[in-house]
């Protein structure tokens, strides 16, 4: 692999990781909305199970989204360094 290939690869990876990060943050936002909606319903076992499930999903998608944001930033930094 030449430096030009790495340059192009780092830019492509930055764009893909950034896009996936936005999608996952949107999924986390939707999960939080559903969590808040389920908290307004009368508490039963089924509602409690759904509440725990949506709480876990929101946290998971948010943390994966943050990790992909970091990957995107690192790829942009690599792209800038390889540009020279």
C-alpha atoms as a PDB file:
ATOM      1  CA  UNK A   1       0.000   0.000   0.000  1.00  0.00           C
ATOM      2  CA  UNK A   2       1.280   3.400  -0.891  1.00  0.00           C
ATOM      3  CA  UNK A   3       0.774   6.555   1.115  1.00  0.00           C
ATOM      4  CA  UNK A   4      -1.824   7.688  -1.424  1.00  0.00           C
ATOM      5  CA  UNK A   5      -3.856   4.541  -0.771  1.00  0.00           C
ATOM      6  CA  UNK A   6      -3.636   5.100   2.990  1.00  0.00           C
ATOM      7  CA  UNK A   7      -4.619   8.734   2.487  1.00  0.00           C
ATOM      8  CA  UNK A   8      -7.737   7.757   0.544  1.00  0.00           C
ATOM      9  CA  UNK A   9      -8.557   4.923   2.934  1.00  0.00           C
ATOM     10  CA  UNK A  10      -8.335   7.164   6.002  1.00  0.00           C
ATOM     11  CA  UNK A  11     -10.664   9.725   4.412  1.00  0.00           C
ATOM     12  CA  UNK A  12     -13.173   7.043   3.406  1.00  0.00           C
ATOM     13  CA  UNK A  13     -13.067   5.478   6.859  1.00  0.00           C
ATOM     14  CA  UNK A  14     -13.558   8.890   8.489  1.00  0.00           C
ATOM     15  CA  UNK A  15     -16.647   9.561   6.380  1.00  0.00           C
ATOM     16  CA  UNK A  16     -18.153   6.120   7.027  1.00  0.00           C
ATOM     17  CA  UNK A  17     -17.431   6.221  10.770  1.00  0.00           C
ATOM     18  CA  UNK A  18     -18.847   9.737  11.049  1.00  0.00           C
ATOM     19  CA  UNK A  19     -22.017   8.734   9.215  1.00  0.00           C
ATOM     20  CA  UNK A  20     -22.492   5.639  11.353  1.00  0.00           C
ATOM     21  CA  UNK A  21     -21.932   7.741  14.459  1.00  0.00           C
ATOM     22  CA  UNK A  22     -24.762  10.074  13.467  1.00  0.00           C
ATOM     23  CA  UNK A  23     -27.059   7.115  12.770  1.00  0.00           C
ATOM     24  CA  UNK A  24     -26.274   5.473  16.118  1.00  0.00           C
ATOM     25  CA  UNK A  25     -26.805   8.735  18.000  1.00  0.00           C
ATOM     26  CA  UNK A  26     -30.202   8.988  16.302  1.00  0.00           C
ATOM     27  CA  UNK A  27     -31.029   5.452  17.403  1.00  0.00           C
ATOM     28  CA  UNK A  28     -29.996   6.309  20.977  1.00  0.00           C
ATOM     29  CA  UNK A  29     -32.207   9.405  20.890  1.00  0.00           C
ATOM     30  CA  UNK A  30     -35.160   7.311  19.698  1.00  0.00           C
ATOM     31  CA  UNK A  31     -34.518   4.741  22.437  1.00  0.00           C
ATOM     32  CA  UNK A  32     -34.492   7.511  25.045  1.00  0.00           C
ATOM     33  CA  UNK A  33     -37.805   8.825  23.718  1.00  0.00           C
ATOM     34  CA  UNK A  34     -39.323   5.363  24.027  1.00  0.00           C
ATOM     35  CA  UNK A  35     -37.842   5.011  27.509  1.00  0.00           C
ATOM     36  CA  UNK A  36     -39.438   8.283  28.613  1.00  0.00           C
ATOM     37  CA  UNK A  37     -42.752   7.244  27.074  1.00  0.00           C
ATOM     38  CA  UNK A  38     -42.658   3.900  28.872  1.00  0.00           C
ATOM     39  CA  UNK A  39     -42.037   5.661  32.187  1.00  0.00           C
ATOM     40  CA  UNK A  40     -45.385   7.462  31.823  1.00  0.00           C
ATOM     41  CA  UNK A  41     -47.304   4.167  31.566  1.00  0.00           C
ATOM     42  CA  UNK A  42     -48.607   2.372  34.636  1.00  0.00           C
ATOM     43  CA  UNK A  43     -45.845   0.118  35.942  1.00  0.00           C
ATOM     44  CA  UNK A  44     -46.314  -3.603  35.329  1.00  0.00           C
ATOM     45  CA  UNK A  45     -43.795  -6.393  34.834  1.00  0.00           C
ATOM     46  CA  UNK A  46     -43.958  -6.076  31.054  1.00  0.00           C
ATOM     47  CA  UNK A  47     -43.492  -2.304  31.175  1.00  0.00           C
ATOM     48  CA  UNK A  48     -40.609  -2.671  33.614  1.00  0.00           C
ATOM     49  CA  UNK A  49     -38.907  -5.155  31.284  1.00  0.00           C
ATOM     50  CA  UNK A  50     -39.362  -2.811  28.307  1.00  0.00           C
ATOM     51  CA  UNK A  51     -38.028   0.092  30.346  1.00  0.00           C
ATOM     52  CA  UNK A  52     -34.865  -1.816  31.226  1.00  0.00           C
ATOM     53  CA  UNK A  53     -34.440  -2.940  27.625  1.00  0.00           C
ATOM     54  CA  UNK A  54     -34.752   0.594  26.198  1.00  0.00           C
ATOM     55  CA  UNK A  55     -32.457   1.982  28.887  1.00  0.00           C
ATOM     56  CA  UNK A  56     -29.791  -0.567  27.961  1.00  0.00           C
ATOM     57  CA  UNK A  57     -30.188   0.050  24.242  1.00  0.00           C
ATOM     58  CA  UNK A  58     -29.916   3.812  24.642  1.00  0.00           C
ATOM     59  CA  UNK A  59     -26.703   3.501  26.632  1.00  0.00           C
ATOM     60  CA  UNK A  60     -25.217   0.943  24.235  1.00  0.00           C
ATOM     61  CA  UNK A  61     -26.003   2.883  21.059  1.00  0.00           C
ATOM     62  CA  UNK A  62     -24.781   6.121  22.591  1.00  0.00           C
ATOM     63  CA  UNK A  63     -21.449   4.608  23.661  1.00  0.00           C
ATOM     64  CA  UNK A  64     -20.903   2.949  20.270  1.00  0.00           C
ATOM     65  CA  UNK A  65     -21.748   6.263  18.590  1.00  0.00           C
ATOM     66  CA  UNK A  66     -19.166   8.058  20.730  1.00  0.00           C
ATOM     67  CA  UNK A  67     -16.547   5.426  19.893  1.00  0.00           C
ATOM     68  CA  UNK A  68     -17.229   5.823  16.170  1.00  0.00           C
ATOM     69  CA  UNK A  69     -16.965   9.601  16.551  1.00  0.00           C
ATOM     70  CA  UNK A  70     -13.507   9.104  18.020  1.00  0.00           C
ATOM     71  CA  UNK A  71     -12.551   6.761  15.166  1.00  0.00           C
ATOM     72  CA  UNK A  72     -13.738   9.364  12.670  1.00  0.00           C
ATOM     73  CA  UNK A  73     -11.692  12.104  14.334  1.00  0.00           C
ATOM     74  CA  UNK A  74      -8.588   9.898  14.389  1.00  0.00           C
ATOM     75  CA  UNK A  75      -9.049   9.046  10.708  1.00  0.00           C
ATOM     76  CA  UNK A  76      -9.356  12.725   9.811  1.00  0.00           C
ATOM     77  CA  UNK A  77      -6.157  13.400  11.767  1.00  0.00           C
ATOM     78  CA  UNK A  78      -4.413  10.571   9.890  1.00  0.00           C
ATOM     79  CA  UNK A  79      -5.755  11.944   6.610  1.00  0.00           C
ATOM     80  CA  UNK A  80      -4.334  15.369   7.415  1.00  0.00           C
ATOM     81  CA  UNK A  81      -0.956  13.913   8.387  1.00  0.00           C
ATOM     82  CA  UNK A  82      -0.744  11.725   5.276  1.00  0.00           C
ATOM     83  CA  UNK A  83      -1.645  14.633   3.014  1.00  0.00           C
ATOM     84  CA  UNK A  84       1.891  16.000   3.160  1.00  0.00           C
END
